[in-house]
C-alpha atoms as a PDB file:
ATOM      1  CA  MET A   1     -23.236  25.837   4.364  1.00  0.00           C
ATOM      2  CA  GLU A   2     -20.833  27.825   6.507  1.00  0.00           C
ATOM      3  CA  ILE A   3     -21.258  28.596  10.215  1.00  0.00           C
ATOM      4  CA  LYS A   4     -19.942  31.964  11.414  1.00  0.00           C
ATOM      5  CA  LYS A   5     -20.012  33.870  14.694  1.00  0.00           C
ATOM      6  CA  LEU A   6     -22.515  36.728  14.552  1.00  0.00           C
ATOM      7  CA  THR A   7     -21.969  40.247  15.818  1.00  0.00           C
ATOM      8  CA  ALA A   8     -24.336  41.856  18.310  1.00  0.00           C
ATOM      9  CA  GLU A   9     -25.385  44.323  15.624  1.00  0.00           C
ATOM     10  CA  PHE A  10     -26.288  41.513  13.218  1.00  0.00           C
ATOM     11  CA  VAL A  11     -28.285  39.693  15.898  1.00  0.00           C
ATOM     12  CA  LEU A  12     -30.284  42.811  16.712  1.00  0.00           C
ATOM     13  CA  GLU A  13     -31.015  43.380  13.017  1.00  0.00           C
ATOM     14  CA  ARG A  14     -32.416  39.858  12.534  1.00  0.00           C
ATOM     15  CA  LEU A  15     -35.387  39.956  14.885  1.00  0.00           C
ATOM     16  CA  ASP A  16     -37.191  37.710  12.394  1.00  0.00           C
ATOM     17  CA  LEU A  17     -34.934  34.768  13.317  1.00  0.00           C
ATOM     18  CA  ALA A  18     -35.343  35.380  17.039  1.00  0.00           C
ATOM     19  CA  GLN A  19     -39.102  35.581  16.664  1.00  0.00           C
ATOM     20  CA  ILE A  20     -39.223  32.153  14.969  1.00  0.00           C
ATOM     21  CA  SER A  21     -38.164  30.267  18.064  1.00  0.00           C
ATOM     22  CA  ILE A  22     -38.792  32.685  20.918  1.00  0.00           C
ATOM     23  CA  GLY A  23     -42.280  33.576  19.744  1.00  0.00           C
ATOM     24  CA  ILE A  24     -42.389  37.150  21.048  1.00  0.00           C
ATOM     25  CA  ASP A  25     -44.157  39.453  18.602  1.00  0.00           C
ATOM     26  CA  ASN A  26     -43.396  42.692  20.449  1.00  0.00           C
ATOM     27  CA  GLU A  27     -40.272  44.147  18.793  1.00  0.00           C
ATOM     28  CA  ARG A  28     -39.253  46.150  21.848  1.00  0.00           C
ATOM     29  CA  ALA A  29     -39.544  43.159  24.192  1.00  0.00           C
ATOM     30  CA  LEU A  30     -37.665  40.932  21.762  1.00  0.00           C
ATOM     31  CA  THR A  31     -34.871  43.487  21.362  1.00  0.00           C
ATOM     32  CA  SER A  32     -34.610  43.836  25.148  1.00  0.00           C
ATOM     33  CA  LEU A  33     -34.366  40.062  25.577  1.00  0.00           C
ATOM     34  CA  LEU A  34     -31.669  39.756  22.910  1.00  0.00           C
ATOM     35  CA  LYS A  35     -29.679  42.609  24.453  1.00  0.00           C
ATOM     36  CA  SER A  36     -29.798  40.965  27.878  1.00  0.00           C
ATOM     37  CA  GLU A  37     -28.605  37.664  26.401  1.00  0.00           C
ATOM     38  CA  LEU A  38     -25.756  39.412  24.577  1.00  0.00           C
ATOM     39  CA  CYS A  39     -24.731  41.206  27.790  1.00  0.00           C
ATOM     40  CA  ARG A  40     -24.790  37.897  29.629  1.00  0.00           C
ATOM     41  CA  GLY A  41     -22.313  36.479  27.145  1.00  0.00           C
ATOM     42  CA  THR A  42     -24.641  34.372  25.027  1.00  0.00           C
ATOM     43  CA  GLU A  43     -22.937  33.702  21.692  1.00  0.00           C
ATOM     44  CA  TYR A  44     -24.783  33.600  18.370  1.00  0.00           C
ATOM     45  CA  PHE A  45     -23.645  31.611  15.345  1.00  0.00           C
ATOM     46  CA  GLY A  46     -25.301  31.802  11.952  1.00  0.00           C
ATOM     47  CA  ALA A  47     -25.701  29.262   9.166  1.00  0.00           C
ATOM     48  CA  PHE A  48     -24.895  30.911   5.847  1.00  0.00           C
ATOM     49  CA  VAL A  49     -25.935  29.644   2.440  1.00  0.00           C
ATOM     50  CA  GLU A  50     -24.649  31.722  -0.472  1.00  0.00           C
ATOM     51  CA  GLN A  51     -23.807  34.655   1.840  1.00  0.00           C
ATOM     52  CA  LYS A  52     -27.295  34.647   3.413  1.00  0.00           C
ATOM     53  CA  CYS A  53     -27.891  33.832   7.081  1.00  0.00           C
ATOM     54  CA  VAL A  54     -30.675  31.231   6.991  1.00  0.00           C
ATOM     55  CA  GLY A  55     -30.593  30.189  10.629  1.00  0.00           C
ATOM     56  CA  TRP A  56     -28.803  30.603  13.915  1.00  0.00           C
ATOM     57  CA  ILE A  57     -28.090  29.015  17.235  1.00  0.00           C
ATOM     58  CA  SER A  58     -27.276  30.848  20.413  1.00  0.00           C
ATOM     59  CA  PHE A  59     -25.919  29.360  23.589  1.00  0.00           C
ATOM     60  CA  TRP A  60     -24.547  30.475  26.910  1.00  0.00           C
ATOM     61  CA  VAL A  61     -21.427  28.990  28.441  1.00  0.00           C
ATOM     62  CA  ASP A  62     -20.101  29.967  31.864  1.00  0.00           C
ATOM     63  CA  GLN A  63     -16.495  30.552  30.782  1.00  0.00           C
ATOM     64  CA  GLU A  64     -15.382  31.102  34.381  1.00  0.00           C
ATOM     65  CA  GLY A  65     -16.798  27.771  35.541  1.00  0.00           C
ATOM     66  CA  ILE A  66     -18.468  29.473  38.511  1.00  0.00           C
ATOM     67  CA  PHE A  67     -22.054  28.445  37.766  1.00  0.00           C
ATOM     68  CA  SER A  68     -21.482  25.351  35.628  1.00  0.00           C
ATOM     69  CA  ASN A  69     -22.689  22.808  38.169  1.00  0.00           C
ATOM     70  CA  ALA A  70     -25.836  24.780  38.940  1.00  0.00           C
ATOM     71  CA  GLU A  71     -26.424  25.987  35.391  1.00  0.00           C
ATOM     72  CA  PRO A  72     -24.620  24.059  32.685  1.00  0.00           C
ATOM     73  CA  PRO A  73     -24.144  25.520  29.195  1.00  0.00           C
ATOM     74  CA  ARG A  74     -27.532  26.112  27.643  1.00  0.00           C
ATOM     75  CA  ILE A  75     -29.006  26.628  24.186  1.00  0.00           C
ATOM     76  CA  MET A  76     -30.964  29.849  24.231  1.00  0.00           C
ATOM     77  CA  ASP A  77     -32.270  29.935  20.672  1.00  0.00           C
ATOM     78  CA  LEU A  78     -32.265  27.786  17.547  1.00  0.00           C
ATOM     79  CA  ALA A  79     -34.079  29.043  14.466  1.00  0.00           C
ATOM     80  CA  VAL A  80     -34.079  28.297  10.739  1.00  0.00           C
ATOM     81  CA  GLU A  81     -35.940  30.222   8.057  1.00  0.00           C
ATOM     82  CA  LYS A  82     -38.945  28.312   6.727  1.00  0.00           C
ATOM     83  CA  ASP A  83     -37.517  27.855   3.200  1.00  0.00           C
ATOM     84  CA  PHE A  84     -34.398  26.162   4.602  1.00  0.00           C
ATOM     85  CA  ARG A  85     -36.005  23.691   7.000  1.00  0.00           C
ATOM     86  CA  ARG A  86     -35.649  19.938   6.473  1.00  0.00           C
ATOM     87  CA  GLN A  87     -32.208  20.520   4.932  1.00  0.00           C
ATOM     88  CA  LYS A  88     -30.143  19.632   8.046  1.00  0.00           C
ATOM     89  CA  VAL A  89     -29.401  23.295   8.856  1.00  0.00           C
ATOM     90  CA  ALA A  90     -30.649  22.981  12.457  1.00  0.00           C
ATOM     91  CA  SER A  91     -28.835  19.662  12.917  1.00  0.00           C
ATOM     92  CA  GLN A  92     -25.562  21.167  11.718  1.00  0.00           C
ATOM     93  CA  LEU A  93     -25.968  24.206  13.963  1.00  0.00           C
ATOM     94  CA  LEU A  94     -26.705  21.957  16.941  1.00  0.00           C
ATOM     95  CA  GLU A  95     -23.724  19.710  16.184  1.00  0.00           C
ATOM     96  CA  PHE A  96     -21.501  22.805  15.926  1.00  0.00           C
ATOM     97  CA  ALA A  97     -22.695  24.047  19.327  1.00  0.00           C
ATOM     98  CA  CYS A  98     -22.279  20.622  20.955  1.00  0.00           C
ATOM     99  CA  ASP A  99     -18.738  20.343  19.591  1.00  0.00           C
ATOM    100  CA  ARG A 100     -17.815  23.777  21.012  1.00  0.00           C
ATOM    101  CA  VAL A 101     -19.280  23.028  24.432  1.00  0.00           C
ATOM    102  CA  GLU A 102     -17.621  19.610  24.630  1.00  0.00           C
ATOM    103  CA  ALA A 103     -14.275  20.996  23.389  1.00  0.00           C
ATOM    104  CA  ALA A 104     -14.439  23.612  26.164  1.00  0.00           C
ATOM    105  CA  GLY A 105     -14.505  20.709  28.626  1.00  0.00           C
ATOM    106  CA  PHE A 106     -18.102  20.821  29.778  1.00  0.00           C
ATOM    107  CA  LYS A 107     -19.942  17.655  30.702  1.00  0.00           C
ATOM    108  CA  ARG A 108     -23.542  18.737  30.084  1.00  0.00           C
ATOM    109  CA  PHE A 109     -25.528  20.866  27.651  1.00  0.00           C
ATOM    110  CA  MET A 110     -29.155  21.896  28.245  1.00  0.00           C
ATOM    111  CA  VAL A 111     -32.095  23.204  26.250  1.00  0.00           C
ATOM    112  CA  THR A 112     -35.749  23.886  27.023  1.00  0.00           C
ATOM    113  CA  THR A 113     -38.585  23.816  24.540  1.00  0.00           C
ATOM    114  CA  GLY A 114     -42.342  24.036  24.648  1.00  0.00           C
ATOM    115  CA  GLY A 115     -43.875  20.913  26.125  1.00  0.00           C
ATOM    116  CA  SER A 116     -46.404  20.726  23.290  1.00  0.00           C
ATOM    117  CA  MET A 117     -43.799  21.230  20.537  1.00  0.00           C
ATOM    118  CA  PHE A 118     -43.541  17.578  19.508  1.00  0.00           C
ATOM    119  CA  ASN A 119     -41.255  18.165  16.500  1.00  0.00           C
ATOM    120  CA  ALA A 120     -38.768  20.195  18.548  1.00  0.00           C
ATOM    121  CA  ARG A 121     -38.766  17.587  21.303  1.00  0.00           C
ATOM    122  CA  LEU A 122     -38.188  14.799  18.772  1.00  0.00           C
ATOM    123  CA  PHE A 123     -35.400  16.817  17.111  1.00  0.00           C
ATOM    124  CA  TYR A 124     -33.433  17.078  20.363  1.00  0.00           C
ATOM    125  CA  VAL A 125     -33.907  13.390  21.180  1.00  0.00           C
ATOM    126  CA  LYS A 126     -32.694  12.415  17.692  1.00  0.00           C
ATOM    127  CA  ASN A 127     -29.621  14.557  18.326  1.00  0.00           C
ATOM    128  CA  GLY A 128     -28.581  12.844  21.553  1.00  0.00           C
ATOM    129  CA  PHE A 129     -30.451  14.867  24.174  1.00  0.00           C
ATOM    130  CA  ARG A 130     -32.699  13.192  26.725  1.00  0.00           C
ATOM    131  CA  GLN A 131     -35.692  14.745  28.392  1.00  0.00           C
ATOM    132  CA  ILE A 132     -35.005  15.191  32.095  1.00  0.00           C
ATOM    133  CA  ALA A 133     -38.107  17.131  33.155  1.00  0.00           C
ATOM    134  CA  CYS A 134     -41.311  18.802  32.060  1.00  0.00           C
ATOM    135  CA  VAL A 135     -42.286  21.874  34.053  1.00  0.00           C
ATOM    136  CA  PRO A 136     -45.930  22.961  33.951  1.00  0.00           C
ATOM    137  CA  ASN A 137     -46.825  26.667  33.794  1.00  0.00           C
ATOM    138  CA  TRP A 138     -43.185  27.608  33.062  1.00  0.00           C
ATOM    139  CA  PHE A 139     -43.518  31.349  33.721  1.00  0.00           C
ATOM    140  CA  GLY A 140     -45.804  30.914  36.746  1.00  0.00           C
ATOM    141  CA  ASP A 141     -48.482  33.238  35.446  1.00  0.00           C
ATOM    142  CA  GLY A 142     -51.217  30.640  35.161  1.00  0.00           C
ATOM    143  CA  ASN A 143     -51.265  31.023  31.377  1.00  0.00           C
ATOM    144  CA  SER A 144     -47.886  29.599  30.431  1.00  0.00           C
ATOM    145  CA  SER A 145     -47.369  26.411  28.532  1.00  0.00           C
ATOM    146  CA  ASP A 146     -45.320  23.523  29.831  1.00  0.00           C
ATOM    147  CA  GLN A 147     -41.605  23.483  29.086  1.00  0.00           C
ATOM    148  CA  ALA A 148     -39.639  20.317  28.448  1.00  0.00           C
ATOM    149  CA  ILE A 149     -36.028  20.342  29.651  1.00  0.00           C
ATOM    150  CA  PHE A 150     -33.466  18.292  27.745  1.00  0.00           C
ATOM    151  CA  MET A 151     -29.859  17.464  28.610  1.00  0.00           C
ATOM    152  CA  LYS A 152     -26.985  16.043  26.598  1.00  0.00           C
ATOM    153  CA  THR A 153     -24.076  14.529  28.501  1.00  0.00           C
ATOM    154  CA  PHE A 154     -20.564  14.347  27.086  1.00  0.00           C
ATOM    155  CA  THR A 155     -18.230  11.623  28.262  1.00  0.00           C
ATOM    156  CA  GLY A 156     -14.798  12.430  29.609  1.00  0.00           C
ATOM    157  CA  ALA A 157     -15.458  16.134  30.210  1.00  0.00           C
ATOM    158  CA  LYS A 158     -14.256  17.906  33.345  1.00  0.00           C
ATOM    159  CA  VAL A 159     -17.208  20.072  34.378  1.00  0.00           C
END
């Protein structure tokens, strides 16, 4: 497996991967969300097996260091095609992202996931993240599910 940085064009062509973890079925809304993340500076990296992108991870890092204390680097999306799950693809993508964030000198790395998504929560714990909060009604609309917030702390980092 090889991990490569993805272009904005590639990301916008692979709505199927974004839909896996984000869960938005509306193509227009999903495209709008991805475009806003790309404009914000969120980077996408794909896992390639035999020239095929089978999964990706996206994360945002405040390169300027302006917001890092208030909003540390954060995983925005992690998705793996169904046929490639349970083959360590997600673990390798997560390790890649953690290495990049730590190498950039950041002390913390965050991710949120659905509070009822037991497998996702267990995955992050197994990979060194700890749950720091669970927020009910995440979107405040009365219909939203809970969101669990996880943090990984790197030792010896500056920010």
